[in-house]
Amino acid sequence: MDRPPFRPAAAVSARQRLGISTFDVARQMKLVGTPVDTDTVAAWETGTHRPTEGELFALADVLWCRTTELMGMDQPRTLAELRLARQFTVARLARDIGMHVHDYTRAEENNQWPGNFTQTLGLLHALNISFRQLEEVTVVCTPMDPALDPALDPGPARPRR
């Protein structure tokens, strides 16, 4: 599994703003459920190692900063970066929007969005983005007309009483 982008200087700067040591970061990481040792935190800060997604999310929480700050970007430019910015794992986001993990992973790899109307609405809501923002970072492969989405088909019209 690829590790997310990481900018060591951003982590050092955030830690120093808080006035804490690498030992303190490691201790806080353990308290939030992501145990790492001081050597690991130091390796991140020197750039000899990058955190996993889960470690990145916990580190951002511990350092009171945005994930995008630690990734060294102002604005996410890909579907994967949008997901990371909102601290979602692939598995959790796929589950939340009703998409198979394999299909979602392929969407990130190809930077093409194949989701149906319901999945697209779920994605926009989960990532707190607009459809236009999704179009800016991906190629949208399916029409977004709810009438074309079989999952939304209410069935035959019933007469009113």
N, C-alpha and C. Protein backbone atom coordinates (compact mmCIF):
# COMPACT_ATOMS: atom_id res chain seq x y z
N MET A 1 0.84 -1.18 0.00
CA MET A 1 0.00 0.00 0.00
C MET A 1 0.88 1.24 0.00
N ASP A 2 0.58 2.16 -0.90
CA ASP A 2 1.32 3.41 -0.94
C ASP A 2 0.99 4.25 0.28
N ARG A 3 1.97 4.97 0.72
CA ARG A 3 1.74 5.88 1.84
C ARG A 3 1.37 7.25 1.27
N PRO A 4 0.58 8.01 1.99
CA PRO A 4 0.16 9.31 1.49
C PRO A 4 1.33 10.28 1.41
N PRO A 5 1.17 11.34 0.62
CA PRO A 5 2.20 12.37 0.59
C PRO A 5 2.39 12.93 2.00
N PHE A 6 3.60 13.35 2.28
CA PHE A 6 3.89 13.87 3.61
C PHE A 6 5.01 14.89 3.53
N ARG A 7 4.82 16.01 4.20
CA ARG A 7 5.81 17.08 4.22
C ARG A 7 6.37 17.19 5.64
N PRO A 8 7.58 16.65 5.86
CA PRO A 8 8.16 16.64 7.21
C PRO A 8 8.23 18.02 7.87
N ALA A 9 8.58 19.05 7.10
CA ALA A 9 8.71 20.39 7.68
C ALA A 9 7.39 20.88 8.26
N ALA A 10 6.28 20.48 7.66
CA ALA A 10 4.97 20.89 8.18
C ALA A 10 4.71 20.24 9.54
N ALA A 11 5.11 18.99 9.69
CA ALA A 11 4.94 18.30 10.96
C ALA A 11 5.80 18.94 12.05
N VAL A 12 7.04 19.24 11.71
CA VAL A 12 7.94 19.89 12.67
C VAL A 12 7.36 21.24 13.09
N SER A 13 6.92 22.01 12.11
CA SER A 13 6.37 23.34 12.39
C SER A 13 5.14 23.26 13.29
N ALA A 14 4.23 22.34 12.98
CA ALA A 14 3.02 22.18 13.79
C ALA A 14 3.37 21.76 15.21
N ARG A 15 4.32 20.84 15.35
CA ARG A 15 4.73 20.38 16.68
C ARG A 15 5.35 21.52 17.48
N GLN A 16 6.22 22.28 16.82
CA GLN A 16 6.88 23.39 17.51
C GLN A 16 5.88 24.49 17.91
N ARG A 17 4.86 24.72 17.07
CA ARG A 17 3.83 25.70 17.43
C ARG A 17 3.14 25.32 18.73
N LEU A 18 2.99 24.01 18.94
CA LEU A 18 2.36 23.53 20.17
C LEU A 18 3.33 23.47 21.34
N GLY A 19 4.62 23.58 21.05
CA GLY A 19 5.63 23.54 22.11
C GLY A 19 5.78 22.16 22.72
N ILE A 20 5.65 21.11 21.91
CA ILE A 20 5.77 19.76 22.43
C ILE A 20 6.94 19.03 21.75
N SER A 21 7.37 17.96 22.37
CA SER A 21 8.50 17.17 21.86
C SER A 21 8.00 15.99 21.02
N THR A 22 8.93 15.31 20.37
CA THR A 22 8.55 14.10 19.64
C THR A 22 8.06 13.03 20.61
N PHE A 23 8.59 13.02 21.81
CA PHE A 23 8.11 12.10 22.84
C PHE A 23 6.64 12.38 23.15
N ASP A 24 6.30 13.67 23.28
CA ASP A 24 4.91 14.05 23.56
C ASP A 24 3.99 13.63 22.41
N VAL A 25 4.45 13.80 21.18
CA VAL A 25 3.65 13.39 20.02
C VAL A 25 3.40 11.89 20.07
N ALA A 26 4.44 11.12 20.31
CA ALA A 26 4.29 9.66 20.39
C ALA A 26 3.33 9.26 21.50
N ARG A 27 3.43 9.92 22.63
CA ARG A 27 2.54 9.62 23.76
C ARG A 27 1.09 9.94 23.40
N GLN A 28 0.87 11.09 22.77
CA GLN A 28 -0.49 11.48 22.37
C GLN A 28 -1.04 10.56 21.28
N MET A 29 -0.17 10.12 20.37
CA MET A 29 -0.59 9.19 19.33
C MET A 29 -1.12 7.90 19.96
N LYS A 30 -0.44 7.45 21.00
CA LYS A 30 -0.88 6.24 21.70
C LYS A 30 -2.25 6.47 22.34
N LEU A 31 -2.45 7.65 22.91
CA LEU A 31 -3.71 7.96 23.57
C LEU A 31 -4.88 8.02 22.58
N VAL A 32 -4.62 8.39 21.33
CA VAL A 32 -5.69 8.42 20.33
C VAL A 32 -5.84 7.10 19.59
N GLY A 33 -5.11 6.07 20.06
CA GLY A 33 -5.28 4.74 19.51
C GLY A 33 -4.36 4.36 18.36
N THR A 34 -3.31 5.15 18.15
CA THR A 34 -2.34 4.85 17.09
C THR A 34 -0.95 4.88 17.70
N PRO A 35 -0.56 3.80 18.37
CA PRO A 35 0.73 3.80 19.06
C PRO A 35 1.91 3.80 18.09
N VAL A 36 2.81 4.74 18.32
CA VAL A 36 4.09 4.80 17.62
C VAL A 36 5.14 5.17 18.65
N ASP A 37 6.40 4.95 18.34
CA ASP A 37 7.45 5.34 19.28
C ASP A 37 8.09 6.65 18.83
N THR A 38 8.89 7.20 19.71
CA THR A 38 9.54 8.48 19.45
C THR A 38 10.43 8.42 18.23
N ASP A 39 11.11 7.29 18.01
CA ASP A 39 11.97 7.14 16.83
C ASP A 39 11.17 7.24 15.54
N THR A 40 9.95 6.72 15.54
CA THR A 40 9.09 6.79 14.36
C THR A 40 8.71 8.24 14.07
N VAL A 41 8.33 8.96 15.10
CA VAL A 41 7.98 10.38 14.93
C VAL A 41 9.19 11.15 14.39
N ALA A 42 10.36 10.87 14.94
CA ALA A 42 11.59 11.53 14.46
C ALA A 42 11.88 11.17 13.00
N ALA A 43 11.62 9.92 12.63
CA ALA A 43 11.84 9.49 11.24
C ALA A 43 10.89 10.22 10.29
N TRP A 44 9.66 10.45 10.72
CA TRP A 44 8.74 11.23 9.89
C TRP A 44 9.27 12.65 9.70
N GLU A 45 9.73 13.24 10.81
CA GLU A 45 10.18 14.62 10.76
C GLU A 45 11.47 14.81 9.97
N THR A 46 12.29 13.78 9.86
CA THR A 46 13.51 13.90 9.06
C THR A 46 13.28 13.46 7.62
N GLY A 47 12.12 12.89 7.35
CA GLY A 47 11.79 12.47 6.00
C GLY A 47 12.33 11.10 5.62
N THR A 48 12.84 10.34 6.59
CA THR A 48 13.34 9.01 6.28
C THR A 48 12.22 7.97 6.26
N HIS A 49 11.03 8.35 6.73
CA HIS A 49 9.89 7.45 6.75
C HIS A 49 8.64 8.31 6.64
N ARG A 50 7.59 7.77 6.02
CA ARG A 50 6.31 8.49 5.94
C ARG A 50 5.25 7.73 6.70
N PRO A 51 4.33 8.45 7.34
CA PRO A 51 3.26 7.77 8.08
C PRO A 51 2.27 7.09 7.15
N THR A 52 1.61 6.06 7.67
CA THR A 52 0.51 5.42 6.95
C THR A 52 -0.68 6.38 6.98
N GLU A 53 -1.75 6.03 6.29
CA GLU A 53 -2.95 6.88 6.33
C GLU A 53 -3.45 7.05 7.76
N GLY A 54 -3.58 5.94 8.48
CA GLY A 54 -4.07 6.02 9.86
C GLY A 54 -3.16 6.85 10.75
N GLU A 55 -1.87 6.69 10.57
CA GLU A 55 -0.91 7.49 11.36
C GLU A 55 -1.01 8.96 10.98
N LEU A 56 -1.19 9.24 9.69
CA LEU A 56 -1.33 10.64 9.25
C LEU A 56 -2.56 11.28 9.88
N PHE A 57 -3.68 10.56 9.89
CA PHE A 57 -4.91 11.09 10.47
C PHE A 57 -4.72 11.37 11.95
N ALA A 58 -4.12 10.43 12.67
CA ALA A 58 -3.89 10.61 14.11
C ALA A 58 -2.91 11.75 14.36
N LEU A 59 -1.86 11.82 13.54
CA LEU A 59 -0.86 12.89 13.71
C LEU A 59 -1.50 14.26 13.52
N ALA A 60 -2.36 14.40 12.52
CA ALA A 60 -3.05 15.68 12.30
C ALA A 60 -3.89 16.03 13.52
N ASP A 61 -4.57 15.04 14.10
CA ASP A 61 -5.37 15.30 15.30
C ASP A 61 -4.48 15.73 16.47
N VAL A 62 -3.38 15.03 16.66
CA VAL A 62 -2.47 15.32 17.77
C VAL A 62 -1.83 16.70 17.61
N LEU A 63 -1.50 17.06 16.38
CA LEU A 63 -0.83 18.35 16.12
C LEU A 63 -1.82 19.49 15.86
N TRP A 64 -3.09 19.21 15.95
CA TRP A 64 -4.13 20.22 15.77
C TRP A 64 -3.96 20.95 14.44
N CYS A 65 -3.81 20.17 13.38
CA CYS A 65 -3.68 20.78 12.06
C CYS A 65 -4.45 19.94 11.04
N ARG A 66 -4.56 20.46 9.86
CA ARG A 66 -5.26 19.75 8.79
C ARG A 66 -4.35 18.69 8.18
N THR A 67 -4.98 17.62 7.73
CA THR A 67 -4.24 16.57 7.03
C THR A 67 -3.54 17.16 5.81
N THR A 68 -4.22 18.06 5.09
CA THR A 68 -3.62 18.66 3.89
C THR A 68 -2.36 19.45 4.22
N GLU A 69 -2.31 20.05 5.41
CA GLU A 69 -1.10 20.77 5.82
C GLU A 69 0.08 19.80 5.93
N LEU A 70 -0.17 18.65 6.55
CA LEU A 70 0.89 17.65 6.69
C LEU A 70 1.26 17.01 5.35
N MET A 71 0.33 17.03 4.40
CA MET A 71 0.61 16.49 3.07
C MET A 71 1.28 17.54 2.18
N GLY A 72 1.36 18.78 2.66
CA GLY A 72 2.05 19.83 1.91
C GLY A 72 1.26 20.37 0.74
N MET A 73 -0.05 20.51 0.91
CA MET A 73 -0.86 21.04 -0.19
C MET A 73 -1.92 21.99 0.33
N ASP A 74 -2.24 22.96 -0.52
CA ASP A 74 -3.32 23.89 -0.18
C ASP A 74 -4.67 23.28 -0.50
N GLN A 75 -4.77 22.72 -1.70
CA GLN A 75 -6.02 22.14 -2.18
C GLN A 75 -5.77 20.74 -2.70
N PRO A 76 -6.62 19.80 -2.34
CA PRO A 76 -6.50 18.46 -2.92
C PRO A 76 -6.72 18.51 -4.43
N ARG A 77 -5.93 17.71 -5.16
CA ARG A 77 -5.99 17.73 -6.62
C ARG A 77 -6.49 16.42 -7.22
N THR A 78 -6.67 15.42 -6.38
CA THR A 78 -7.13 14.11 -6.86
C THR A 78 -8.21 13.59 -5.92
N LEU A 79 -8.90 12.56 -6.37
CA LEU A 79 -9.91 11.93 -5.53
C LEU A 79 -9.28 11.37 -4.25
N ALA A 80 -8.12 10.76 -4.38
CA ALA A 80 -7.43 10.23 -3.19
C ALA A 80 -7.09 11.34 -2.21
N GLU A 81 -6.61 12.46 -2.71
CA GLU A 81 -6.26 13.58 -1.82
C GLU A 81 -7.50 14.16 -1.15
N LEU A 82 -8.62 14.21 -1.86
CA LEU A 82 -9.87 14.67 -1.24
C LEU A 82 -10.25 13.76 -0.08
N ARG A 83 -10.13 12.45 -0.32
CA ARG A 83 -10.45 11.47 0.73
C ARG A 83 -9.53 11.62 1.93
N LEU A 84 -8.24 11.73 1.67
CA LEU A 84 -7.27 11.88 2.75
C LEU A 84 -7.51 13.17 3.54
N ALA A 85 -7.87 14.23 2.83
CA ALA A 85 -8.12 15.52 3.50
C ALA A 85 -9.26 15.42 4.50
N ARG A 86 -10.21 14.53 4.23
CA ARG A 86 -11.35 14.34 5.13
C ARG A 86 -11.14 13.17 6.09
N GLN A 87 -9.95 12.60 6.07
CA GLN A 87 -9.55 11.53 6.99
C GLN A 87 -10.44 10.29 6.88
N PHE A 88 -10.66 9.87 5.64
CA PHE A 88 -11.36 8.62 5.37
C PHE A 88 -10.38 7.58 4.86
N THR A 89 -10.49 6.35 5.35
CA THR A 89 -9.78 5.24 4.71
C THR A 89 -10.60 4.84 3.50
N VAL A 90 -9.99 4.14 2.57
CA VAL A 90 -10.72 3.66 1.39
C VAL A 90 -11.90 2.79 1.83
N ALA A 91 -11.64 1.87 2.75
CA ALA A 91 -12.70 0.94 3.18
C ALA A 91 -13.88 1.67 3.81
N ARG A 92 -13.61 2.64 4.65
CA ARG A 92 -14.70 3.35 5.32
C ARG A 92 -15.51 4.19 4.34
N LEU A 93 -14.83 4.90 3.45
CA LEU A 93 -15.56 5.74 2.50
C LEU A 93 -16.38 4.88 1.54
N ALA A 94 -15.78 3.81 1.04
CA ALA A 94 -16.51 2.91 0.14
C ALA A 94 -17.77 2.37 0.82
N ARG A 95 -17.62 1.93 2.06
CA ARG A 95 -18.76 1.41 2.82
C ARG A 95 -19.82 2.49 3.01
N ASP A 96 -19.38 3.68 3.38
CA ASP A 96 -20.33 4.77 3.65
C ASP A 96 -21.13 5.18 2.42
N ILE A 97 -20.54 5.06 1.23
CA ILE A 97 -21.25 5.48 0.02
C ILE A 97 -21.90 4.32 -0.72
N GLY A 98 -21.74 3.10 -0.19
CA GLY A 98 -22.37 1.95 -0.80
C GLY A 98 -21.68 1.45 -2.05
N MET A 99 -20.36 1.50 -2.05
CA MET A 99 -19.59 1.05 -3.21
C MET A 99 -18.63 -0.04 -2.75
N HIS A 100 -18.37 -1.01 -3.60
CA HIS A 100 -17.41 -2.06 -3.28
C HIS A 100 -16.01 -1.43 -3.20
N VAL A 101 -15.22 -1.86 -2.23
CA VAL A 101 -13.88 -1.31 -2.01
C VAL A 101 -13.03 -1.39 -3.29
N HIS A 102 -13.11 -2.50 -3.99
CA HIS A 102 -12.34 -2.67 -5.22
C HIS A 102 -12.72 -1.61 -6.26
N ASP A 103 -14.01 -1.33 -6.40
CA ASP A 103 -14.47 -0.33 -7.37
C ASP A 103 -14.01 1.07 -6.96
N TYR A 104 -14.09 1.37 -5.67
CA TYR A 104 -13.64 2.69 -5.22
C TYR A 104 -12.13 2.83 -5.42
N THR A 105 -11.37 1.81 -5.07
CA THR A 105 -9.92 1.85 -5.25
C THR A 105 -9.56 2.09 -6.71
N ARG A 106 -10.25 1.40 -7.60
CA ARG A 106 -10.01 1.58 -9.04
C ARG A 106 -10.34 3.02 -9.46
N ALA A 107 -11.38 3.61 -8.88
CA ALA A 107 -11.74 4.99 -9.20
C ALA A 107 -10.59 5.94 -8.83
N GLU A 108 -10.00 5.72 -7.66
CA GLU A 108 -8.86 6.56 -7.27
C GLU A 108 -7.66 6.33 -8.16
N GLU A 109 -7.39 5.07 -8.48
CA GLU A 109 -6.22 4.76 -9.32
C GLU A 109 -6.34 5.37 -10.71
N ASN A 110 -7.55 5.32 -11.27
CA ASN A 110 -7.78 5.83 -12.63
C ASN A 110 -8.22 7.29 -12.66
N ASN A 111 -8.51 7.84 -11.48
CA ASN A 111 -9.03 9.19 -11.35
C ASN A 111 -10.27 9.39 -12.22
N GLN A 112 -11.12 8.37 -12.20
CA GLN A 112 -12.39 8.39 -12.91
C GLN A 112 -13.49 7.98 -11.94
N TRP A 113 -14.58 8.73 -11.93
CA TRP A 113 -15.66 8.43 -11.00
C TRP A 113 -16.77 7.67 -11.71
N PRO A 114 -16.95 6.36 -11.36
CA PRO A 114 -17.96 5.53 -12.00
C PRO A 114 -19.26 5.41 -11.20
N GLY A 115 -19.34 6.12 -10.08
CA GLY A 115 -20.46 5.91 -9.17
C GLY A 115 -21.80 6.29 -9.74
N ASN A 116 -22.84 5.59 -9.25
CA ASN A 116 -24.20 5.94 -9.66
C ASN A 116 -24.64 7.19 -8.90
N PHE A 117 -25.87 7.60 -9.14
CA PHE A 117 -26.37 8.84 -8.54
C PHE A 117 -26.30 8.79 -7.02
N THR A 118 -26.75 7.69 -6.43
CA THR A 118 -26.76 7.56 -4.97
C THR A 118 -25.34 7.57 -4.40
N GLN A 119 -24.43 6.84 -5.02
CA GLN A 119 -23.04 6.81 -4.57
C GLN A 119 -22.40 8.18 -4.71
N THR A 120 -22.73 8.87 -5.78
CA THR A 120 -22.16 10.20 -6.00
C THR A 120 -22.65 11.17 -4.94
N LEU A 121 -23.94 11.14 -4.65
CA LEU A 121 -24.46 12.01 -3.57
C LEU A 121 -23.78 11.68 -2.25
N GLY A 122 -23.61 10.40 -1.97
CA GLY A 122 -22.94 9.99 -0.74
C GLY A 122 -21.51 10.49 -0.69
N LEU A 123 -20.81 10.39 -1.80
CA LEU A 123 -19.42 10.87 -1.87
C LEU A 123 -19.34 12.38 -1.65
N LEU A 124 -20.22 13.11 -2.33
CA LEU A 124 -20.21 14.58 -2.18
C LEU A 124 -20.48 14.97 -0.74
N HIS A 125 -21.41 14.28 -0.12
CA HIS A 125 -21.74 14.57 1.28
C HIS A 125 -20.58 14.21 2.21
N ALA A 126 -20.02 13.01 2.04
CA ALA A 126 -18.94 12.55 2.92
C ALA A 126 -17.71 13.44 2.82
N LEU A 127 -17.38 13.84 1.59
CA LEU A 127 -16.17 14.66 1.40
C LEU A 127 -16.46 16.15 1.51
N ASN A 128 -17.73 16.50 1.67
CA ASN A 128 -18.14 17.90 1.78
C ASN A 128 -17.64 18.72 0.59
N ILE A 129 -17.94 18.20 -0.60
CA ILE A 129 -17.55 18.88 -1.84
C ILE A 129 -18.77 19.03 -2.74
N SER A 130 -18.63 19.87 -3.74
CA SER A 130 -19.69 20.04 -4.74
C SER A 130 -19.43 19.10 -5.91
N PHE A 131 -20.45 18.94 -6.74
CA PHE A 131 -20.27 18.13 -7.94
C PHE A 131 -19.21 18.75 -8.84
N ARG A 132 -19.19 20.06 -8.89
CA ARG A 132 -18.17 20.76 -9.70
C ARG A 132 -16.76 20.42 -9.20
N GLN A 133 -16.57 20.37 -7.88
CA GLN A 133 -15.25 20.01 -7.34
C GLN A 133 -14.88 18.58 -7.71
N LEU A 134 -15.86 17.68 -7.70
CA LEU A 134 -15.60 16.30 -8.12
C LEU A 134 -15.18 16.28 -9.58
N GLU A 135 -15.86 17.05 -10.41
CA GLU A 135 -15.51 17.11 -11.83
C GLU A 135 -14.12 17.70 -12.06
N GLU A 136 -13.68 18.58 -11.17
CA GLU A 136 -12.36 19.20 -11.31
C GLU A 136 -11.22 18.21 -11.05
N VAL A 137 -11.47 17.18 -10.25
CA VAL A 137 -10.40 16.24 -9.90
C VAL A 137 -10.55 14.87 -10.54
N THR A 138 -11.68 14.61 -11.18
CA THR A 138 -11.89 13.31 -11.81
C THR A 138 -12.59 13.47 -13.15
N VAL A 139 -12.67 12.38 -13.87
CA VAL A 139 -13.53 12.27 -15.03
C VAL A 139 -14.77 11.53 -14.53
N VAL A 140 -15.93 12.16 -14.61
CA VAL A 140 -17.17 11.53 -14.17
C VAL A 140 -17.67 10.68 -15.33
N CYS A 141 -17.80 9.37 -15.09
CA CYS A 141 -18.08 8.40 -16.16
C CYS A 141 -19.55 8.08 -16.35
N THR A 142 -20.40 8.45 -15.42
CA THR A 142 -21.80 8.08 -15.52
C THR A 142 -22.68 9.31 -15.47
N PRO A 143 -23.83 9.27 -16.14
CA PRO A 143 -24.75 10.40 -16.06
C PRO A 143 -25.29 10.54 -14.65
N MET A 144 -25.49 11.75 -14.22
CA MET A 144 -25.95 11.99 -12.86
C MET A 144 -27.43 12.34 -12.85
N ASP A 145 -28.19 11.64 -13.65
CA ASP A 145 -29.63 11.84 -13.70
C ASP A 145 -30.29 10.78 -12.83
N PRO A 146 -31.00 11.17 -11.77
CA PRO A 146 -31.59 10.16 -10.89
C PRO A 146 -32.57 9.26 -11.63
N ALA A 147 -33.15 9.73 -12.72
CA ALA A 147 -34.08 8.91 -13.48
C ALA A 147 -33.36 7.74 -14.16
N LEU A 148 -32.02 7.86 -14.35
CA LEU A 148 -31.25 6.81 -15.00
C LEU A 148 -30.63 5.84 -14.01
N ASP A 149 -30.82 6.08 -12.74
CA ASP A 149 -30.23 5.23 -11.71
C ASP A 149 -31.25 4.20 -11.25
N PRO A 150 -31.05 2.92 -11.60
CA PRO A 150 -32.02 1.90 -11.21
C PRO A 150 -32.22 1.79 -9.71
N ALA A 151 -31.22 2.17 -8.93
CA ALA A 151 -31.35 2.09 -7.47
C ALA A 151 -32.41 3.06 -6.96
N LEU A 152 -32.69 4.10 -7.74
CA LEU A 152 -33.66 5.10 -7.30
C LEU A 152 -35.03 4.91 -7.94
N ASP A 153 -35.20 3.89 -8.78
CA ASP A 153 -36.45 3.66 -9.48
C ASP A 153 -37.53 3.28 -8.47
N PRO A 154 -38.56 4.11 -8.33
CA PRO A 154 -39.60 3.82 -7.35
C PRO A 154 -40.56 2.73 -7.80
N GLY A 155 -40.41 2.24 -9.02
CA GLY A 155 -41.33 1.22 -9.53
C GLY A 155 -42.49 1.89 -10.24
N PRO A 156 -43.52 1.09 -10.59
CA PRO A 156 -44.65 1.66 -11.32
C PRO A 156 -45.39 2.68 -10.46
N ALA A 157 -45.89 3.70 -11.13
CA ALA A 157 -46.63 4.74 -10.43
C ALA A 157 -47.93 4.15 -9.87
N ARG A 158 -48.27 4.57 -8.68
CA ARG A 158 -49.50 4.11 -8.05
C ARG A 158 -50.55 5.21 -8.18
N PRO A 159 -51.78 4.82 -8.48
CA PRO A 159 -52.82 5.85 -8.59
C PRO A 159 -53.08 6.49 -7.22
N ARG A 160 -53.40 7.77 -7.26
CA ARG A 160 -53.75 8.49 -6.02
C ARG A 160 -55.17 8.19 -5.64
N ARG A 161 -55.43 8.23 -4.37
CA ARG A 161 -56.80 8.01 -3.89
C ARG A 161 -57.43 9.29 -3.47
